[in-house]
C-alpha cells in the first residue's frame, strides 16, 4: 500500500515537473516584438480621447500607425507651434537639421526612413502639411495628424 502511494506521488511530481517544463519552453518560443511594438510601450497618449498638457491653447491631434490604428488626443499648451507643444509633452522626437525637426518617433512609435522606408507624415486638416511641425503655428480650429507612410 505504501509503495502505491509513493508511486502516485512520484507520478504526480513528474507530471507537475513536465507541465512546468513545457510551459517554460513554449513561453520562450514567442517572437521578439517588432520595433514599432516595442517602442509603442512608451506611448504618451495611452487612451483614445486623452487630454494632455495644460495651457490656454488647445488643439486636436490624431496619430495613425503603420497598421492604420488611430488614436486621438486633445493637446493643451501655451507654446506657439505644434512642434514645441508636442516635444514638450514627449509626444514627438527626432533629429534637428537645417530644415527643421525630422520627426522619427510619435507617441512612442518609431518610423525611420533610413531603416525601412517609413516616415511620419504631418497633416493639417487632412491635407499634407506644407510646413514642418516645428514651424507650424497653432491655429484655432485646425486639426493636426501624424501618419506613418512609406517612401
Protein backbone atom coordinates (compact mmCIF):
# COMPACT_ATOMS: atom_id res chain seq x y z
CA UNK A 1 0.00 0.00 0.00
CA UNK A 2 2.78 2.36 0.94
CA UNK A 3 4.53 1.56 -2.37
CA UNK A 4 1.40 2.54 -4.39
CA UNK A 5 1.17 5.83 -2.55
CA UNK A 6 4.83 6.64 -3.31
CA UNK A 7 4.33 5.76 -6.96
CA UNK A 8 1.33 8.11 -7.17
CA UNK A 9 3.32 10.89 -5.51
CA UNK A 10 6.23 10.28 -7.87
CA UNK A 11 3.90 10.24 -10.88
CA UNK A 12 2.20 13.42 -9.69
CA UNK A 13 5.55 15.14 -9.16
CA UNK A 14 6.73 14.00 -12.57
CA UNK A 15 3.57 15.34 -14.21
CA UNK A 16 3.93 18.67 -12.44
CA UNK A 17 7.59 18.93 -13.45
CA UNK A 18 6.71 18.04 -17.05
CA UNK A 19 3.93 20.65 -17.09
CA UNK A 20 6.26 23.37 -15.79
CA UNK A 21 8.96 22.41 -18.31
CA UNK A 22 6.52 22.58 -21.23
CA UNK A 23 5.13 25.90 -20.05
CA UNK A 24 8.62 27.39 -19.81
CA UNK A 25 9.63 26.03 -23.21
CA UNK A 26 6.56 27.35 -25.03
CA UNK A 27 6.83 30.71 -23.31
CA UNK A 28 10.36 31.08 -24.62
CA UNK A 29 9.24 30.42 -28.20
CA UNK A 30 7.45 33.71 -28.68
CA UNK A 31 8.98 36.01 -31.24
CA UNK A 32 10.70 39.21 -30.21
CA UNK A 33 8.32 42.16 -30.73
CA UNK A 34 8.88 44.38 -33.73
CA UNK A 35 10.50 47.78 -33.26
CA UNK A 36 7.13 49.52 -33.57
CA UNK A 37 5.51 47.23 -30.97
CA UNK A 38 8.45 47.52 -28.60
CA UNK A 39 8.62 51.30 -28.75
CA UNK A 40 4.88 51.78 -28.58
CA UNK A 41 5.08 50.66 -24.97
CA UNK A 42 6.49 54.14 -24.24
CA UNK A 43 3.41 55.84 -25.66
CA UNK A 44 2.42 59.17 -24.14
CA UNK A 45 -1.15 59.00 -25.47
CA UNK A 46 -2.39 55.91 -23.65
CA UNK A 47 -6.11 56.08 -24.42
CA UNK A 48 -8.21 57.43 -27.25
CA UNK A 49 -9.52 60.87 -26.35
CA UNK A 50 -6.75 61.56 -23.84
CA UNK A 51 -6.20 65.15 -22.73
CA UNK A 52 -2.52 66.12 -22.42
CA UNK A 53 -0.82 69.22 -21.10
CA UNK A 54 -2.00 72.47 -19.63
CA UNK A 55 -2.42 75.89 -21.14
CA UNK A 56 -4.83 78.25 -22.86
CA UNK A 57 -4.26 76.91 -26.37
CA UNK A 58 -5.99 73.67 -27.34
CA UNK A 59 -5.83 71.55 -30.50
CA UNK A 60 -6.78 68.03 -31.59
CA UNK A 61 -4.08 65.54 -32.60
CA UNK A 62 -4.51 62.21 -34.38
CA UNK A 63 -1.77 59.57 -34.62
CA UNK A 64 -2.12 56.78 -37.19
CA UNK A 65 0.43 53.95 -37.07
CA UNK A 66 1.61 51.71 -39.92
CA UNK A 67 -1.23 49.24 -39.31
CA UNK A 68 -3.85 52.01 -39.56
CA UNK A 69 -4.59 52.04 -35.83
CA UNK A 70 -5.69 55.53 -34.90
CA UNK A 71 -5.61 57.32 -31.57
CA UNK A 72 -6.86 60.84 -30.85
CA UNK A 73 -5.84 63.30 -28.17
CA UNK A 74 -6.58 66.82 -27.11
CA UNK A 75 -3.42 68.87 -26.56
CA UNK A 76 -3.32 71.87 -24.21
CA UNK A 77 -0.34 74.21 -24.25
CA UNK A 78 0.97 77.74 -24.04
CA UNK A 79 3.54 77.09 -26.79
CA UNK A 80 3.30 78.84 -30.16
CA UNK A 81 3.96 75.95 -32.53
CA UNK A 82 2.64 72.42 -32.80
CA UNK A 83 6.20 71.09 -32.64
CA UNK A 84 7.07 72.94 -29.44
CA UNK A 85 3.89 71.70 -27.76
CA UNK A 86 4.35 68.08 -28.78
CA UNK A 87 8.08 67.99 -27.95
CA UNK A 88 7.42 69.45 -24.51
CA UNK A 89 4.89 66.68 -23.80
CA UNK A 90 7.15 63.97 -25.20
CA UNK A 91 4.68 63.04 -27.95
CA UNK A 92 7.27 63.56 -30.72
CA UNK A 93 11.04 63.22 -31.01
CA UNK A 94 13.52 63.30 -33.82
CA UNK A 95 16.64 64.88 -35.22
CA UNK A 96 17.23 68.59 -35.66
CA UNK A 97 18.51 69.63 -39.08
CA UNK A 98 18.98 72.78 -41.13
CA UNK A 99 15.43 72.39 -42.43
CA UNK A 100 13.85 71.74 -39.01
CA UNK A 101 12.89 68.75 -36.92
CA UNK A 102 12.89 65.39 -38.71
CA UNK A 103 10.26 63.52 -36.69
CA UNK A 104 11.18 59.87 -36.17
CA UNK A 105 9.12 59.00 -33.09
CA UNK A 106 5.46 59.81 -32.48
CA UNK A 107 3.70 58.55 -29.37
CA UNK A 108 6.45 56.03 -28.74
CA UNK A 109 6.35 54.55 -32.27
CA UNK A 110 9.44 54.84 -34.45
CA UNK A 111 9.25 55.29 -38.22
CA UNK A 112 12.72 55.61 -39.75
CA UNK A 113 13.08 56.08 -43.50
CA UNK A 114 16.74 55.03 -43.42
CA UNK A 115 15.78 51.75 -41.79
CA UNK A 116 12.64 50.58 -43.60
CA UNK A 117 11.42 53.37 -45.89
CA UNK A 118 8.70 54.51 -43.49
CA UNK A 119 8.30 58.04 -42.17
CA UNK A 120 5.92 60.20 -40.18
CA UNK A 121 3.84 62.44 -42.47
CA UNK A 122 2.41 65.58 -40.87
CA UNK A 123 -1.10 66.71 -41.82
CA UNK A 124 -3.11 69.87 -41.15
CA UNK A 125 -6.87 69.48 -41.62
CA UNK A 126 -6.34 66.19 -43.51
CA UNK A 127 -4.00 67.87 -46.03
CA UNK A 128 -0.29 67.05 -46.22
CA UNK A 129 1.39 69.96 -44.40
CA UNK A 130 3.41 72.48 -46.36
CA UNK A 131 5.40 73.39 -43.23
CA UNK A 132 7.32 71.33 -40.74
CA UNK A 133 5.78 70.59 -37.36
CA UNK A 134 8.23 72.90 -35.60
CA UNK A 135 7.37 75.78 -37.98
CA UNK A 136 3.58 75.28 -37.83
CA UNK A 137 1.92 77.92 -35.69
CA UNK A 138 -1.06 76.53 -33.80
CA UNK A 139 -4.24 77.86 -35.38
CA UNK A 140 -7.56 77.65 -33.59
CA UNK A 141 -9.91 75.21 -35.30
CA UNK A 142 -7.15 73.32 -37.15
CA UNK A 143 -6.72 69.58 -36.70
CA UNK A 144 -3.23 68.07 -36.77
CA UNK A 145 -2.23 64.49 -37.51
CA UNK A 146 0.80 62.26 -37.90
CA UNK A 147 0.52 59.17 -40.11
CA UNK A 148 3.14 56.53 -40.89
CA UNK A 149 3.71 56.37 -44.65
CA UNK A 150 6.07 54.51 -46.96
CA UNK A 151 8.56 56.39 -49.14
